[in-house]
C-alpha atoms as a PDB file:
ATOM      1  CA  MET A   1      21.536  -1.968 -11.362  1.00  0.00           C
ATOM      2  CA  GLN A   2      18.508  -0.588  -9.967  1.00  0.00           C
ATOM      3  CA  ALA A   3      16.617  -1.422  -6.876  1.00  0.00           C
ATOM      4  CA  LYS A   4      13.369  -3.656  -7.210  1.00  0.00           C
ATOM      5  CA  SER A   5      10.579  -1.653  -8.705  1.00  0.00           C
ATOM      6  CA  THR A   6       8.658  -2.326  -5.433  1.00  0.00           C
ATOM      7  CA  TYR A   7      10.993   0.224  -3.707  1.00  0.00           C
ATOM      8  CA  ARG A   8      11.402   2.788  -6.536  1.00  0.00           C
ATOM      9  CA  ASP A   9       8.477   5.053  -5.370  1.00  0.00           C
ATOM     10  CA  ARG A  10      10.749   7.240  -3.290  1.00  0.00           C
ATOM     11  CA  TYR A  11      12.198  10.699  -3.288  1.00  0.00           C
ATOM     12  CA  GLU A  12      14.900  11.269  -5.997  1.00  0.00           C
ATOM     13  CA  THR A  13      17.811  11.405  -3.697  1.00  0.00           C
ATOM     14  CA  GLU A  14      16.609   8.362  -1.630  1.00  0.00           C
ATOM     15  CA  LEU A  15      16.284   6.369  -5.013  1.00  0.00           C
ATOM     16  CA  ALA A  16      19.745   7.563  -6.242  1.00  0.00           C
ATOM     17  CA  VAL A  17      21.291   6.364  -2.915  1.00  0.00           C
ATOM     18  CA  LEU A  18      19.492   3.118  -2.981  1.00  0.00           C
ATOM     19  CA  ASP A  19      20.466   2.341  -6.527  1.00  0.00           C
ATOM     20  CA  THR A  20      24.019   3.227  -5.783  1.00  0.00           C
ATOM     21  CA  LEU A  21      24.004   0.842  -2.884  1.00  0.00           C
ATOM     22  CA  VAL A  22      22.503  -1.932  -4.966  1.00  0.00           C
ATOM     23  CA  ASP A  23      25.320  -1.450  -7.558  1.00  0.00           C
ATOM     24  CA  ALA A  24      27.813  -1.932  -4.795  1.00  0.00           C
ATOM     25  CA  ARG A  25      25.930  -4.641  -2.781  1.00  0.00           C
ATOM     26  CA  GLU A  26      28.777  -7.024  -2.213  1.00  0.00           C
ATOM     27  CA  GLU A  27      31.304  -4.565  -0.794  1.00  0.00           C
ATOM     28  CA  GLY A  28      28.965  -1.845   0.582  1.00  0.00           C
ATOM     29  CA  LEU A  29      29.914   1.754   0.560  1.00  0.00           C
ATOM     30  CA  THR A  30      31.146   4.308   2.974  1.00  0.00           C
ATOM     31  CA  ILE A  31      29.321   7.617   3.439  1.00  0.00           C
ATOM     32  CA  PHE A  32      32.137   9.260   1.411  1.00  0.00           C
ATOM     33  CA  GLU A  33      31.758   6.775  -1.501  1.00  0.00           C
ATOM     34  CA  VAL A  34      27.871   7.389  -1.483  1.00  0.00           C
ATOM     35  CA  ARG A  35      28.576  11.095  -1.519  1.00  0.00           C
ATOM     36  CA  ALA A  36      30.854  10.777  -4.498  1.00  0.00           C
ATOM     37  CA  SER A  37      28.446   8.674  -6.446  1.00  0.00           C
ATOM     38  CA  VAL A  38      25.206  10.661  -5.698  1.00  0.00           C
ATOM     39  CA  ASP A  39      24.656  14.183  -7.052  1.00  0.00           C
ATOM     40  CA  ALA A  40      23.118  15.720  -4.029  1.00  0.00           C
ATOM     41  CA  SER A  41      24.116  17.742  -0.991  1.00  0.00           C
ATOM     42  CA  ILE A  42      25.431  15.919   2.049  1.00  0.00           C
ATOM     43  CA  ASP A  43      22.415  17.052   4.022  1.00  0.00           C
ATOM     44  CA  ASP A  44      20.002  15.450   1.382  1.00  0.00           C
ATOM     45  CA  ILE A  45      22.199  12.241   1.414  1.00  0.00           C
ATOM     46  CA  GLU A  46      22.048  12.074   5.236  1.00  0.00           C
ATOM     47  CA  GLU A  47      18.231  12.587   5.191  1.00  0.00           C
ATOM     48  CA  SER A  48      17.877   9.895   2.523  1.00  0.00           C
ATOM     49  CA  LEU A  49      20.010   7.432   4.481  1.00  0.00           C
ATOM     50  CA  ALA A  50      17.966   8.091   7.581  1.00  0.00           C
ATOM     51  CA  ALA A  51      14.754   7.478   5.722  1.00  0.00           C
ATOM     52  CA  LEU A  52      16.055   4.311   4.097  1.00  0.00           C
ATOM     53  CA  LYS A  53      17.354   2.977   7.502  1.00  0.00           C
ATOM     54  CA  ALA A  54      14.026   3.848   9.161  1.00  0.00           C
ATOM     55  CA  ASP A  55      12.193   1.879   6.387  1.00  0.00           C
ATOM     56  CA  ASP A  56      14.721  -1.026   6.959  1.00  0.00           C
ATOM     57  CA  LEU A  57      15.892  -0.954   3.350  1.00  0.00           C
ATOM     58  CA  ILE A  58      19.660  -0.553   4.244  1.00  0.00           C
ATOM     59  CA  ARG A  59      21.881  -1.931   6.952  1.00  0.00           C
ATOM     60  CA  VAL A  60      25.042  -0.409   8.441  1.00  0.00           C
ATOM     61  CA  THR A  61      28.030  -2.318   9.714  1.00  0.00           C
ATOM     62  CA  ASN A  62      30.966  -1.043  11.716  1.00  0.00           C
ATOM     63  CA  ALA A  63      34.013  -3.278  11.168  1.00  0.00           C
ATOM     64  CA  ASP A  64      37.672  -2.344  11.561  1.00  0.00           C
ATOM     65  CA  SER A  65      36.676   1.145  12.543  1.00  0.00           C
ATOM     66  CA  GLU A  66      34.888   1.695   9.108  1.00  0.00           C
ATOM     67  CA  THR A  67      31.215   2.141   8.690  1.00  0.00           C
ATOM     68  CA  ARG A  68      29.911   0.590   5.508  1.00  0.00           C
ATOM     69  CA  ILE A  69      26.330   0.652   4.238  1.00  0.00           C
ATOM     70  CA  TYR A  70      24.588  -2.150   2.422  1.00  0.00           C
ATOM     71  CA  PRO A  71      21.205  -2.525   0.764  1.00  0.00           C
ATOM     72  CA  ARG A  72      18.869  -5.142   2.366  1.00  0.00           C
ATOM     73  CA  ASP A  73      18.681  -8.405   0.263  1.00  0.00           C
ATOM     74  CA  ARG A  74      14.898  -7.772  -0.493  1.00  0.00           C
ATOM     75  CA  VAL A  75      15.805  -4.562  -2.252  1.00  0.00           C
ATOM     76  CA  ILE A  76      18.240  -6.244  -4.743  1.00  0.00           C
ATOM     77  CA  PRO A  77      16.455  -7.366  -7.876  1.00  0.00           C
ATOM     78  CA  ASP A  78      16.241 -11.119  -8.727  1.00  0.00           C
ATOM     79  CA  ASP A  79      18.212 -12.398 -11.654  1.00  0.00           C
ATOM     80  CA  GLU A  80      15.071 -12.725 -13.732  1.00  0.00           C
ATOM     81  CA  GLU A  81      14.198  -9.086 -13.408  1.00  0.00           C
ATOM     82  CA  THR A  82      15.473  -7.068 -16.444  1.00  0.00           C
ATOM     83  CA  ASP A  83      17.094  -3.644 -16.458  1.00  0.00           C
ATOM     84  CA  ASP A  84      14.386  -2.470 -18.834  1.00  0.00           C
ATOM     85  CA  PRO A  85      12.057  -0.165 -17.248  1.00  0.00           C
ATOM     86  CA  SER A  86       8.432  -1.140 -16.677  1.00  0.00           C
ATOM     87  CA  VAL A  87       5.663   0.794 -18.289  1.00  0.00           C
ATOM     88  CA  VAL A  88       4.947   2.344 -14.885  1.00  0.00           C
ATOM     89  CA  ASP A  89       8.547   3.303 -14.368  1.00  0.00           C
ATOM     90  CA  ALA A  90       8.706   4.849 -17.903  1.00  0.00           C
ATOM     91  CA  LEU A  91       5.613   6.945 -17.239  1.00  0.00           C
ATOM     92  CA  ARG A  92       6.999   7.988 -13.756  1.00  0.00           C
ATOM     93  CA  GLU A  93      10.099   9.295 -15.513  1.00  0.00           C
ATOM     94  CA  ARG A  94       8.229  11.206 -18.136  1.00  0.00           C
ATOM     95  CA  LEU A  95       5.486  12.741 -16.052  1.00  0.00           C
ATOM     96  CA  PRO A  96       6.274  15.288 -13.253  1.00  0.00           C
ATOM     97  CA  PHE A  97       4.856  13.771 -10.080  1.00  0.00           C
END
């Protein structure tokens, strides 16, 4: 599942991290799980997480000595949103911006 289209105008790694977190929204992910799911360097992932946190698109919890990362509820698409890309999303994927 992808993050809401409202939040898709981000750098590639930020978007990959956000989409990965939306997929695991119930259980959240550790930094190691994010690293395993996103094809980017750890430095790029850390920068992306910092940017997403600064924009309040993710939340971080520390429970049982384990840090887990979750997407904010407003980032998760509603049930009526489809997985089909919008015209704008399709153009954004095809054109090099």
